Amino acid sequence: MQQTKSDSYVGLENDQDGGMTYYGRVVMDARVFGLIDPDETCAGWKMDRMQTLVNQVAAEWDKHGNIPSRLPDDLRAKHSAEYEKGVKRARDAGWDPDANLEDF
């Protein structure tokens, strides 16, 4: 996770790996669940506020077994659209989804 010296989240658009980090995915999920506005990046949010968002997102996922395919149709469509945008943004920023895999 990338943070500024003030211990704030840099925001989805400025996060490392094009936003495909733990907090980046929390922001995308929060958009899906309507916990934040669709254009909110959470830039400048203090870590305690981000933790509150993490807890809210986790509570929403718990309702659906933490599996995207178990989301109702409307949320599943929002999830798919949000992650398609996120993966494109990340790949355009040079993100390699396999870069952190360990060799077995």
PDB file of N, CA and C in Angstrom:
ATOM      1  N   MET A   1       0.849  -1.166   0.000  1.00  0.00           N
ATOM      2  CA  MET A   1       0.000   0.000   0.000  1.00  0.00           C
ATOM      3  C   MET A   1       0.890   1.222   0.000  1.00  0.00           C
ATOM      4  N   GLN A   2       0.514   2.173  -0.810  1.00  0.00           N
ATOM      5  CA  GLN A   2       1.277   3.394  -0.915  1.00  0.00           C
ATOM      6  C   GLN A   2       0.602   4.484  -0.091  1.00  0.00           C
ATOM      7  N   GLN A   3       1.374   5.179   0.717  1.00  0.00           N
ATOM      8  CA  GLN A   3       0.838   6.229   1.569  1.00  0.00           C
ATOM      9  C   GLN A   3       1.710   7.462   1.453  1.00  0.00           C
ATOM     10  N   THR A   4       1.145   8.613   1.779  1.00  0.00           N
ATOM     11  CA  THR A   4       1.935   9.827   1.854  1.00  0.00           C
ATOM     12  C   THR A   4       2.529   9.917   3.247  1.00  0.00           C
ATOM     13  N   LYS A   5       3.382  10.913   3.458  1.00  0.00           N
ATOM     14  CA  LYS A   5       4.003  11.095   4.772  1.00  0.00           C
ATOM     15  C   LYS A   5       2.968  11.391   5.842  1.00  0.00           C
ATOM     16  N   SER A   6       1.823  11.921   5.457  1.00  0.00           N
ATOM     17  CA  SER A   6       0.798  12.242   6.447  1.00  0.00           C
ATOM     18  C   SER A   6      -0.064  11.037   6.790  1.00  0.00           C
ATOM     19  N   ASP A   7       0.339   9.851   6.319  1.00  0.00           N
ATOM     20  CA  ASP A   7      -0.388   8.617   6.592  1.00  0.00           C
ATOM     21  C   ASP A   7      -1.797   8.654   6.010  1.00  0.00           C
ATOM     22  N   SER A   8      -1.880   9.145   4.794  1.00  0.00           N
ATOM     23  CA  SER A   8      -3.146   9.185   4.062  1.00  0.00           C
ATOM     24  C   SER A   8      -3.027   8.305   2.824  1.00  0.00           C
ATOM     25  N   TYR A   9      -4.149   7.802   2.390  1.00  0.00           N
ATOM     26  CA  TYR A   9      -4.185   7.014   1.160  1.00  0.00           C
ATOM     27  C   TYR A   9      -4.015   7.955  -0.029  1.00  0.00           C
ATOM     28  N   VAL A  10      -3.226   7.547  -1.004  1.00  0.00           N
ATOM     29  CA  VAL A  10      -2.933   8.394  -2.163  1.00  0.00           C
ATOM     30  C   VAL A  10      -4.093   8.484  -3.141  1.00  0.00           C
ATOM     31  N   GLY A  11      -5.021   7.580  -3.054  1.00  0.00           N
ATOM     32  CA  GLY A  11      -6.165   7.565  -3.966  1.00  0.00           C
ATOM     33  C   GLY A  11      -6.006   6.506  -5.031  1.00  0.00           C
ATOM     34  N   LEU A  12      -7.117   6.021  -5.501  1.00  0.00           N
ATOM     35  CA  LEU A  12      -7.138   4.927  -6.468  1.00  0.00           C
ATOM     36  C   LEU A  12      -6.310   5.249  -7.712  1.00  0.00           C
ATOM     37  N   GLU A  13      -6.462   6.444  -8.248  1.00  0.00           N
ATOM     38  CA  GLU A  13      -5.788   6.801  -9.488  1.00  0.00           C
ATOM     39  C   GLU A  13      -4.279   6.955  -9.314  1.00  0.00           C
ATOM     40  N   ASN A  14      -3.809   7.178  -8.093  1.00  0.00           N
ATOM     41  CA  ASN A  14      -2.383   7.382  -7.834  1.00  0.00           C
ATOM     42  C   ASN A  14      -1.731   6.198  -7.136  1.00  0.00           C
ATOM     43  N   ASP A  15      -2.488   5.178  -6.852  1.00  0.00           N
ATOM     44  CA  ASP A  15      -1.973   4.019  -6.132  1.00  0.00           C
ATOM     45  C   ASP A  15      -1.036   3.231  -7.037  1.00  0.00           C
ATOM     46  N   GLN A  16      -0.139   2.481  -6.414  1.00  0.00           N
ATOM     47  CA  GLN A  16       0.776   1.640  -7.191  1.00  0.00           C
ATOM     48  C   GLN A  16      -0.009   0.546  -7.909  1.00  0.00           C
ATOM     49  N   ASP A  17       0.632  -0.039  -8.893  1.00  0.00           N
ATOM     50  CA  ASP A  17       0.015  -1.112  -9.691  1.00  0.00           C
ATOM     51  C   ASP A  17      -1.307  -0.691 -10.304  1.00  0.00           C
ATOM     52  N   GLY A  18      -1.439   0.594 -10.632  1.00  0.00           N
ATOM     53  CA  GLY A  18      -2.665   1.078 -11.269  1.00  0.00           C
ATOM     54  C   GLY A  18      -3.889   0.924 -10.403  1.00  0.00           C
ATOM     55  N   GLY A  19      -3.675   0.812  -9.099  1.00  0.00           N
ATOM     56  CA  GLY A  19      -4.793   0.678  -8.179  1.00  0.00           C
ATOM     57  C   GLY A  19      -5.161  -0.756  -7.845  1.00  0.00           C
ATOM     58  N   MET A  20      -4.411  -1.711  -8.337  1.00  0.00           N
ATOM     59  CA  MET A  20      -4.710  -3.115  -8.040  1.00  0.00           C
ATOM     60  C   MET A  20      -3.975  -3.549  -6.768  1.00  0.00           C
ATOM     61  N   THR A  21      -4.201  -2.786  -5.723  1.00  0.00           N
ATOM     62  CA  THR A  21      -3.640  -3.065  -4.409  1.00  0.00           C
ATOM     63  C   THR A  21      -4.797  -3.403  -3.479  1.00  0.00           C
ATOM     64  N   TYR A  22      -4.469  -3.723  -2.261  1.00  0.00           N
ATOM     65  CA  TYR A  22      -5.517  -4.020  -1.282  1.00  0.00           C
ATOM     66  C   TYR A  22      -6.491  -2.849  -1.165  1.00  0.00           C
ATOM     67  N   TYR A  23      -5.956  -1.651  -0.900  1.00  0.00           N
ATOM     68  CA  TYR A  23      -6.844  -0.506  -0.728  1.00  0.00           C
ATOM     69  C   TYR A  23      -7.511  -0.107  -2.039  1.00  0.00           C
ATOM     70  N   GLY A  24      -6.824  -0.287  -3.145  1.00  0.00           N
ATOM     71  CA  GLY A  24      -7.439   0.010  -4.434  1.00  0.00           C
ATOM     72  C   GLY A  24      -8.666  -0.853  -4.683  1.00  0.00           C
ATOM     73  N   ARG A  25      -8.560  -2.130  -4.348  1.00  0.00           N
ATOM     74  CA  ARG A  25      -9.706  -3.033  -4.515  1.00  0.00           C
ATOM     75  C   ARG A  25     -10.819  -2.698  -3.527  1.00  0.00           C
ATOM     76  N   VAL A  26     -10.457  -2.241  -2.347  1.00  0.00           N
ATOM     77  CA  VAL A  26     -11.477  -1.808  -1.382  1.00  0.00           C
ATOM     78  C   VAL A  26     -12.263  -0.629  -1.954  1.00  0.00           C
ATOM     79  N   VAL A  27     -11.556   0.325  -2.552  1.00  0.00           N
ATOM     80  CA  VAL A  27     -12.229   1.483  -3.156  1.00  0.00           C
ATOM     81  C   VAL A  27     -13.162   1.026  -4.270  1.00  0.00           C
ATOM     82  N   MET A  28     -12.685   0.132  -5.139  1.00  0.00           N
ATOM     83  CA  MET A  28     -13.533  -0.352  -6.228  1.00  0.00           C
ATOM     84  C   MET A  28     -14.758  -1.082  -5.675  1.00  0.00           C
ATOM     85  N   ASP A  29     -14.559  -1.925  -4.662  1.00  0.00           N
ATOM     86  CA  ASP A  29     -15.682  -2.645  -4.064  1.00  0.00           C
ATOM     87  C   ASP A  29     -16.655  -1.686  -3.384  1.00  0.00           C
ATOM     88  N   ALA A  30     -16.126  -0.662  -2.742  1.00  0.00           N
ATOM     89  CA  ALA A  30     -16.994   0.328  -2.090  1.00  0.00           C
ATOM     90  C   ALA A  30     -17.866   1.040  -3.127  1.00  0.00           C
ATOM     91  N   ARG A  31     -17.322   1.274  -4.302  1.00  0.00           N
ATOM     92  CA  ARG A  31     -18.119   1.852  -5.394  1.00  0.00           C
ATOM     93  C   ARG A  31     -19.232   0.887  -5.798  1.00  0.00           C
ATOM     94  N   VAL A  32     -18.870  -0.378  -5.948  1.00  0.00           N
ATOM     95  CA  VAL A  32     -19.851  -1.394  -6.348  1.00  0.00           C
ATOM     96  C   VAL A  32     -21.015  -1.439  -5.360  1.00  0.00           C
ATOM     97  N   PHE A  33     -20.710  -1.411  -4.081  1.00  0.00           N
ATOM     98  CA  PHE A  33     -21.736  -1.526  -3.053  1.00  0.00           C
ATOM     99  C   PHE A  33     -22.425  -0.200  -2.732  1.00  0.00           C
ATOM    100  N   GLY A  34     -22.037   0.859  -3.422  1.00  0.00           N
ATOM    101  CA  GLY A  34     -22.676   2.149  -3.206  1.00  0.00           C
ATOM    102  C   GLY A  34     -22.287   2.809  -1.896  1.00  0.00           C
ATOM    103  N   LEU A  35     -21.152   2.420  -1.336  1.00  0.00           N
ATOM    104  CA  LEU A  35     -20.692   3.006  -0.082  1.00  0.00           C
ATOM    105  C   LEU A  35     -20.022   4.358  -0.296  1.00  0.00           C
ATOM    106  N   ILE A  36     -19.522   4.574  -1.513  1.00  0.00           N
ATOM    107  CA  ILE A  36     -18.941   5.847  -1.914  1.00  0.00           C
ATOM    108  C   ILE A  36     -19.439   6.166  -3.321  1.00  0.00           C
ATOM    109  N   ASP A  37     -19.309   7.407  -3.727  1.00  0.00           N
ATOM    110  CA  ASP A  37     -19.706   7.808  -5.073  1.00  0.00           C
ATOM    111  C   ASP A  37     -18.854   7.094  -6.115  1.00  0.00           C
ATOM    112  N   PRO A  38     -19.388   6.865  -7.302  1.00  0.00           N
ATOM    113  CA  PRO A  38     -18.641   6.151  -8.347  1.00  0.00           C
ATOM    114  C   PRO A  38     -17.342   6.834  -8.776  1.00  0.00           C
ATOM    115  N   ASP A  39     -17.226   8.128  -8.547  1.00  0.00           N
ATOM    116  CA  ASP A  39     -16.006   8.828  -8.944  1.00  0.00           C
ATOM    117  C   ASP A  39     -15.077   9.114  -7.764  1.00  0.00           C
ATOM    118  N   GLU A  40     -15.430   8.652  -6.571  1.00  0.00           N
ATOM    119  CA  GLU A  40     -14.591   8.861  -5.378  1.00  0.00           C
ATOM    120  C   GLU A  40     -13.340   7.994  -5.472  1.00  0.00           C
ATOM    121  N   THR A  41     -12.168   8.588  -5.280  1.00  0.00           N
ATOM    122  CA  THR A  41     -10.906   7.841  -5.303  1.00  0.00           C
ATOM    123  C   THR A  41     -10.325   7.644  -3.910  1.00  0.00           C
ATOM    124  N   CYS A  42     -10.894   8.316  -2.919  1.00  0.00           N
ATOM    125  CA  CYS A  42     -10.441   8.270  -1.525  1.00  0.00           C
ATOM    126  C   CYS A  42      -9.066   8.903  -1.327  1.00  0.00           C
ATOM    127  N   ALA A  43      -8.633   9.711  -2.280  1.00  0.00           N
ATOM    128  CA  ALA A  43      -7.353  10.417  -2.159  1.00  0.00           C
ATOM    129  C   ALA A  43      -7.389  11.312  -0.927  1.00  0.00           C
ATOM    130  N   GLY A  44      -6.348  11.203  -0.119  1.00  0.00           N
ATOM    131  CA  GLY A  44      -6.221  12.029   1.068  1.00  0.00           C
ATOM    132  C   GLY A  44      -6.940  11.499   2.291  1.00  0.00           C
ATOM    133  N   TRP A  45      -7.646  10.380   2.157  1.00  0.00           N
ATOM    134  CA  TRP A  45      -8.344   9.814   3.314  1.00  0.00           C
ATOM    135  C   TRP A  45      -7.310   9.292   4.305  1.00  0.00           C
ATOM    136  N   LYS A  46      -7.497   9.620   5.562  1.00  0.00           N
ATOM    137  CA  LYS A  46      -6.640   9.106   6.625  1.00  0.00           C
ATOM    138  C   LYS A  46      -6.890   7.609   6.786  1.00  0.00           C
ATOM    139  N   MET A  47      -5.911   6.916   7.348  1.00  0.00           N
ATOM    140  CA  MET A  47      -6.000   5.458   7.453  1.00  0.00           C
ATOM    141  C   MET A  47      -7.149   4.991   8.343  1.00  0.00           C
ATOM    142  N   ASP A  48      -7.539   5.776   9.342  1.00  0.00           N
ATOM    143  CA  ASP A  48      -8.677   5.345  10.163  1.00  0.00           C
ATOM    144  C   ASP A  48      -9.970   5.380   9.347  1.00  0.00           C
ATOM    145  N   ARG A  49     -10.074   6.355   8.461  1.00  0.00           N
ATOM    146  CA  ARG A  49     -11.249   6.424   7.582  1.00  0.00           C
ATOM    147  C   ARG A  49     -11.223   5.274   6.568  1.00  0.00           C
ATOM    148  N   MET A  50     -10.037   4.951   6.067  1.00  0.00           N
ATOM    149  CA  MET A  50      -9.919   3.823   5.143  1.00  0.00           C
ATOM    150  C   MET A  50     -10.278   2.521   5.850  1.00  0.00           C
ATOM    151  N   GLN A  51      -9.876   2.376   7.120  1.00  0.00           N
ATOM    152  CA  GLN A  51     -10.208   1.160   7.863  1.00  0.00           C
ATOM    153  C   GLN A  51     -11.709   1.025   8.047  1.00  0.00           C
ATOM    154  N   THR A  52     -12.379   2.131   8.271  1.00  0.00           N
ATOM    155  CA  THR A  52     -13.842   2.107   8.370  1.00  0.00           C
ATOM    156  C   THR A  52     -14.442   1.614   7.062  1.00  0.00           C
ATOM    157  N   LEU A  53     -13.901   2.095   5.938  1.00  0.00           N
ATOM    158  CA  LEU A  53     -14.379   1.650   4.630  1.00  0.00           C
ATOM    159  C   LEU A  53     -14.097   0.169   4.428  1.00  0.00           C
ATOM    160  N   VAL A  54     -12.924  -0.285   4.826  1.00  0.00           N
ATOM    161  CA  VAL A  54     -12.579  -1.714   4.747  1.00  0.00           C
ATOM    162  C   VAL A  54     -13.631  -2.537   5.485  1.00  0.00           C
ATOM    163  N   ASN A  55     -13.979  -2.123   6.691  1.00  0.00           N
ATOM    164  CA  ASN A  55     -14.967  -2.852   7.494  1.00  0.00           C
ATOM    165  C   ASN A  55     -16.336  -2.853   6.827  1.00  0.00           C
ATOM    166  N   GLN A  56     -16.725  -1.729   6.245  1.00  0.00           N
ATOM    167  CA  GLN A  56     -18.022  -1.652   5.566  1.00  0.00           C
ATOM    168  C   GLN A  56     -18.049  -2.562   4.346  1.00  0.00           C
ATOM    169  N   VAL A  57     -16.970  -2.557   3.577  1.00  0.00           N
ATOM    170  CA  VAL A  57     -16.887  -3.413   2.392  1.00  0.00           C
ATOM    171  C   VAL A  57     -16.925  -4.884   2.813  1.00  0.00           C
ATOM    172  N   ALA A  58     -16.182  -5.236   3.854  1.00  0.00           N
ATOM    173  CA  ALA A  58     -16.177  -6.621   4.331  1.00  0.00           C
ATOM    174  C   ALA A  58     -17.571  -7.068   4.757  1.00  0.00           C
ATOM    175  N   ALA A  59     -18.303  -6.189   5.416  1.00  0.00           N
ATOM    176  CA  ALA A  59     -19.669  -6.521   5.837  1.00  0.00           C
ATOM    177  C   ALA A  59     -20.565  -6.779   4.632  1.00  0.00           C
ATOM    178  N   GLU A  60     -20.396  -5.992   3.583  1.00  0.00           N
ATOM    179  CA  GLU A  60     -21.190  -6.209   2.370  1.00  0.00           C
ATOM    180  C   GLU A  60     -20.817  -7.530   1.706  1.00  0.00           C
ATOM    181  N   TRP A  61     -19.515  -7.799   1.598  1.00  0.00           N
ATOM    182  CA  TRP A  61     -19.101  -9.066   0.991  1.00  0.00           C
ATOM    183  C   TRP A  61     -19.598 -10.261   1.790  1.00  0.00           C
ATOM    184  N   ASP A  62     -19.618 -10.143   3.106  1.00  0.00           N
ATOM    185  CA  ASP A  62     -20.100 -11.237   3.954  1.00  0.00           C
ATOM    186  C   ASP A  62     -21.533 -11.627   3.613  1.00  0.00           C
ATOM    187  N   LYS A  63     -22.332 -10.669   3.201  1.00  0.00           N
ATOM    188  CA  LYS A  63     -23.731 -10.948   2.827  1.00  0.00           C
ATOM    189  C   LYS A  63     -23.828 -11.845   1.596  1.00  0.00           C
ATOM    190  N   HIS A  64     -22.745 -11.889   0.820  1.00  0.00           N
ATOM    191  CA  HIS A  64     -22.771 -12.611  -0.456  1.00  0.00           C
ATOM    192  C   HIS A  64     -21.711 -13.702  -0.508  1.00  0.00           C
ATOM    193  N   GLY A  65     -21.259 -14.138   0.644  1.00  0.00           N
ATOM    194  CA  GLY A  65     -20.290 -15.227   0.696  1.00  0.00           C
ATOM    195  C   GLY A  65     -18.925 -14.876   0.130  1.00  0.00           C
ATOM    196  N   ASN A  66     -18.647 -13.595  -0.018  1.00  0.00           N
ATOM    197  CA  ASN A  66     -17.347 -13.132  -0.529  1.00  0.00           C
ATOM    198  C   ASN A  66     -17.026 -13.633  -1.932  1.00  0.00           C
ATOM    199  N   ILE A  67     -18.069 -13.892  -2.714  1.00  0.00           N
ATOM    200  CA  ILE A  67     -17.879 -14.434  -4.059  1.00  0.00           C
ATOM    201  C   ILE A  67     -18.681 -13.591  -5.051  1.00  0.00           C
ATOM    202  N   PRO A  68     -18.001 -12.994  -6.052  1.00  0.00           N
ATOM    203  CA  PRO A  68     -18.710 -12.146  -7.017  1.00  0.00           C
ATOM    204  C   PRO A  68     -19.886 -12.828  -7.713  1.00  0.00           C
ATOM    205  N   SER A  69     -19.768 -14.110  -7.986  1.00  0.00           N
ATOM    206  CA  SER A  69     -20.857 -14.799  -8.691  1.00  0.00           C
ATOM    207  C   SER A  69     -22.121 -14.918  -7.835  1.00  0.00           C
ATOM    208  N   ARG A  70     -21.997 -14.712  -6.535  1.00  0.00           N
ATOM    209  CA  ARG A  70     -23.164 -14.764  -5.652  1.00  0.00           C
ATOM    210  C   ARG A  70     -23.837 -13.405  -5.473  1.00  0.00           C
ATOM    211  N   LEU A  71     -23.269 -12.382  -6.108  1.00  0.00           N
ATOM    212  CA  LEU A  71     -23.894 -11.058  -6.031  1.00  0.00           C
ATOM    213  C   LEU A  71     -25.194 -11.053  -6.816  1.00  0.00           C
ATOM    214  N   PRO A  72     -26.169 -10.251  -6.411  1.00  0.00           N
ATOM    215  CA  PRO A  72     -27.373 -10.086  -7.228  1.00  0.00           C
ATOM    216  C   PRO A  72     -26.971  -9.519  -8.596  1.00  0.00           C
ATOM    217  N   ASP A  73     -27.818  -9.729  -9.581  1.00  0.00           N
ATOM    218  CA  ASP A  73     -27.483  -9.338 -10.950  1.00  0.00           C
ATOM    219  C   ASP A  73     -26.990  -7.903 -11.069  1.00  0.00           C
ATOM    220  N   ASP A  74     -27.660  -6.958 -10.404  1.00  0.00           N
ATOM    221  CA  ASP A  74     -27.261  -5.555 -10.544  1.00  0.00           C
ATOM    222  C   ASP A  74     -25.872  -5.309  -9.960  1.00  0.00           C
ATOM    223  N   LEU A  75     -25.581  -5.884  -8.812  1.00  0.00           N
ATOM    224  CA  LEU A  75     -24.262  -5.708  -8.211  1.00  0.00           C
ATOM    225  C   LEU A  75     -23.187  -6.465  -8.988  1.00  0.00           C
ATOM    226  N   ARG A  76     -23.540  -7.630  -9.516  1.00  0.00           N
ATOM    227  CA  ARG A  76     -22.581  -8.394 -10.308  1.00  0.00           C
ATOM    228  C   ARG A  76     -22.195  -7.620 -11.566  1.00  0.00           C
ATOM    229  N   ALA A  77     -23.163  -6.947 -12.181  1.00  0.00           N
ATOM    230  CA  ALA A  77     -22.880  -6.125 -13.363  1.00  0.00           C
ATOM    231  C   ALA A  77     -21.997  -4.935 -12.995  1.00  0.00           C
ATOM    232  N   LYS A  78     -22.284  -4.297 -11.856  1.00  0.00           N
ATOM    233  CA  LYS A  78     -21.453  -3.179 -11.402  1.00  0.00           C
ATOM    234  C   LYS A  78     -20.033  -3.653 -11.081  1.00  0.00           C
ATOM    235  N   HIS A  79     -19.927  -4.810 -10.438  1.00  0.00           N
ATOM    236  CA  HIS A  79     -18.621  -5.373 -10.102  1.00  0.00           C
ATOM    237  C   HIS A  79     -17.822  -5.646 -11.375  1.00  0.00           C
ATOM    238  N   SER A  80     -18.453  -6.272 -12.335  1.00  0.00           N
ATOM    239  CA  SER A  80     -17.774  -6.595 -13.579  1.00  0.00           C
ATOM    240  C   SER A  80     -17.290  -5.322 -14.285  1.00  0.00           C
ATOM    241  N   ALA A  81     -18.140  -4.322 -14.360  1.00  0.00           N
ATOM    242  CA  ALA A  81     -17.772  -3.070 -15.026  1.00  0.00           C
ATOM    243  C   ALA A  81     -16.649  -2.357 -14.279  1.00  0.00           C
ATOM    244  N   GLU A  82     -16.740  -2.308 -12.962  1.00  0.00           N
ATOM    245  CA  GLU A  82     -15.718  -1.625 -12.152  1.00  0.00           C
ATOM    246  C   GLU A  82     -14.367  -2.313 -12.302  1.00  0.00           C
ATOM    247  N   TYR A  83     -14.361  -3.640 -12.275  1.00  0.00           N
ATOM    248  CA  TYR A  83     -13.094  -4.355 -12.369  1.00  0.00           C
ATOM    249  C   TYR A  83     -12.544  -4.379 -13.783  1.00  0.00           C
ATOM    250  N   GLU A  84     -13.401  -4.329 -14.799  1.00  0.00           N
ATOM    251  CA  GLU A  84     -12.905  -4.198 -16.168  1.00  0.00           C
ATOM    252  C   GLU A  84     -12.157  -2.878 -16.315  1.00  0.00           C
ATOM    253  N   LYS A  85     -12.739  -1.798 -15.797  1.00  0.00           N
ATOM    254  CA  LYS A  85     -12.066  -0.494 -15.822  1.00  0.00           C
ATOM    255  C   LYS A  85     -10.770  -0.544 -15.022  1.00  0.00           C
ATOM    256  N   GLY A  86     -10.835  -1.158 -13.847  1.00  0.00           N
ATOM    257  CA  GLY A  86      -9.664  -1.223 -12.984  1.00  0.00           C
ATOM    258  C   GLY A  86      -8.521  -2.006 -13.594  1.00  0.00           C
ATOM    259  N   VAL A  87      -8.816  -3.140 -14.188  1.00  0.00           N
ATOM    260  CA  VAL A  87      -7.776  -3.955 -14.810  1.00  0.00           C
ATOM    261  C   VAL A  87      -7.177  -3.221 -16.005  1.00  0.00           C
ATOM    262  N   LYS A  88      -8.011  -2.560 -16.802  1.00  0.00           N
ATOM    263  CA  LYS A  88      -7.501  -1.785 -17.941  1.00  0.00           C
ATOM    264  C   LYS A  88      -6.586  -0.670 -17.450  1.00  0.00           C
ATOM    265  N   ARG A  89      -7.030   0.077 -16.441  1.00  0.00           N
ATOM    266  CA  ARG A  89      -6.228   1.167 -15.887  1.00  0.00           C
ATOM    267  C   ARG A  89      -4.890   0.620 -15.388  1.00  0.00           C
ATOM    268  N   ALA A  90      -4.938  -0.504 -14.686  1.00  0.00           N
ATOM    269  CA  ALA A  90      -3.730  -1.091 -14.128  1.00  0.00           C
ATOM    270  C   ALA A  90      -2.786  -1.585 -15.223  1.00  0.00           C
ATOM    271  N   ARG A  91      -3.324  -2.261 -16.206  1.00  0.00           N
ATOM    272  CA  ARG A  91      -2.468  -2.751 -17.298  1.00  0.00           C
ATOM    273  C   ARG A  91      -1.856  -1.586 -18.065  1.00  0.00           C
ATOM    274  N   ASP A  92      -2.645  -0.536 -18.285  1.00  0.00           N
ATOM    275  CA  ASP A  92      -2.125   0.659 -18.958  1.00  0.00           C
ATOM    276  C   ASP A  92      -1.001   1.299 -18.153  1.00  0.00           C
ATOM    277  N   ALA A  93      -1.029   1.121 -16.844  1.00  0.00           N
ATOM    278  CA  ALA A  93       0.013   1.663 -15.957  1.00  0.00           C
ATOM    279  C   ALA A  93       1.193   0.701 -15.804  1.00  0.00           C
ATOM    280  N   GLY A  94       1.141  -0.445 -16.496  1.00  0.00           N
ATOM    281  CA  GLY A  94       2.239  -1.402 -16.459  1.00  0.00           C
ATOM    282  C   GLY A  94       2.092  -2.521 -15.451  1.00  0.00           C
ATOM    283  N   TRP A  95       0.927  -2.652 -14.855  1.00  0.00           N
ATOM    284  CA  TRP A  95       0.696  -3.713 -13.873  1.00  0.00           C
ATOM    285  C   TRP A  95       0.788  -5.080 -14.524  1.00  0.00           C
ATOM    286  N   ASP A  96       1.486  -5.982 -13.869  1.00  0.00           N
ATOM    287  CA  ASP A  96       1.590  -7.372 -14.304  1.00  0.00           C
ATOM    288  C   ASP A  96       0.981  -8.234 -13.206  1.00  0.00           C
ATOM    289  N   PRO A  97      -0.189  -8.824 -13.450  1.00  0.00           N
ATOM    290  CA  PRO A  97      -0.855  -9.596 -12.396  1.00  0.00           C
ATOM    291  C   PRO A  97      -0.050 -10.804 -11.926  1.00  0.00           C
ATOM    292  N   ASP A  98       0.894 -11.249 -12.706  1.00  0.00           N
ATOM    293  CA  ASP A  98       1.688 -12.413 -12.325  1.00  0.00           C
ATOM    294  C   ASP A  98       3.009 -12.042 -11.665  1.00  0.00           C
ATOM    295  N   ALA A  99       3.305 -10.754 -11.535  1.00  0.00           N
ATOM    296  CA  ALA A  99       4.615 -10.310 -11.050  1.00  0.00           C
ATOM    297  C   ALA A  99       4.889 -10.746  -9.613  1.00  0.00           C
ATOM    298  N   ASN A 100       3.865 -10.865  -8.800  1.00  0.00           N
ATOM    299  CA  ASN A 100       4.078 -11.186  -7.389  1.00  0.00           C
ATOM    300  C   ASN A 100       3.853 -12.654  -7.054  1.00  0.00           C
ATOM    301  N   LEU A 101       3.665 -13.478  -8.066  1.00  0.00           N
ATOM    302  CA  LEU A 101       3.472 -14.910  -7.822  1.00  0.00           C
ATOM    303  C   LEU A 101       4.805 -15.559  -7.470  1.00  0.00           C
ATOM    304  N   GLU A 102       4.766 -16.426  -6.515  1.00  0.00           N
ATOM    305  CA  GLU A 102       5.972 -17.164  -6.140  1.00  0.00           C
ATOM    306  C   GLU A 102       6.139 -18.366  -7.051  1.00  0.00           C
ATOM    307  N   ASP A 103       7.387 -18.709  -7.317  1.00  0.00           N
ATOM    308  CA  ASP A 103       7.665 -19.910  -8.095  1.00  0.00           C
ATOM    309  C   ASP A 103       7.468 -21.132  -7.212  1.00  0.00           C
ATOM    310  N   PHE A 104       6.808 -22.128  -7.728  1.00  0.00           N
ATOM    311  CA  PHE A 104       6.579 -23.351  -6.963  1.00  0.00           C
ATOM    312  C   PHE A 104       7.403 -24.462  -7.519  1.00  0.00           C
TER     313      PHE A 104
END
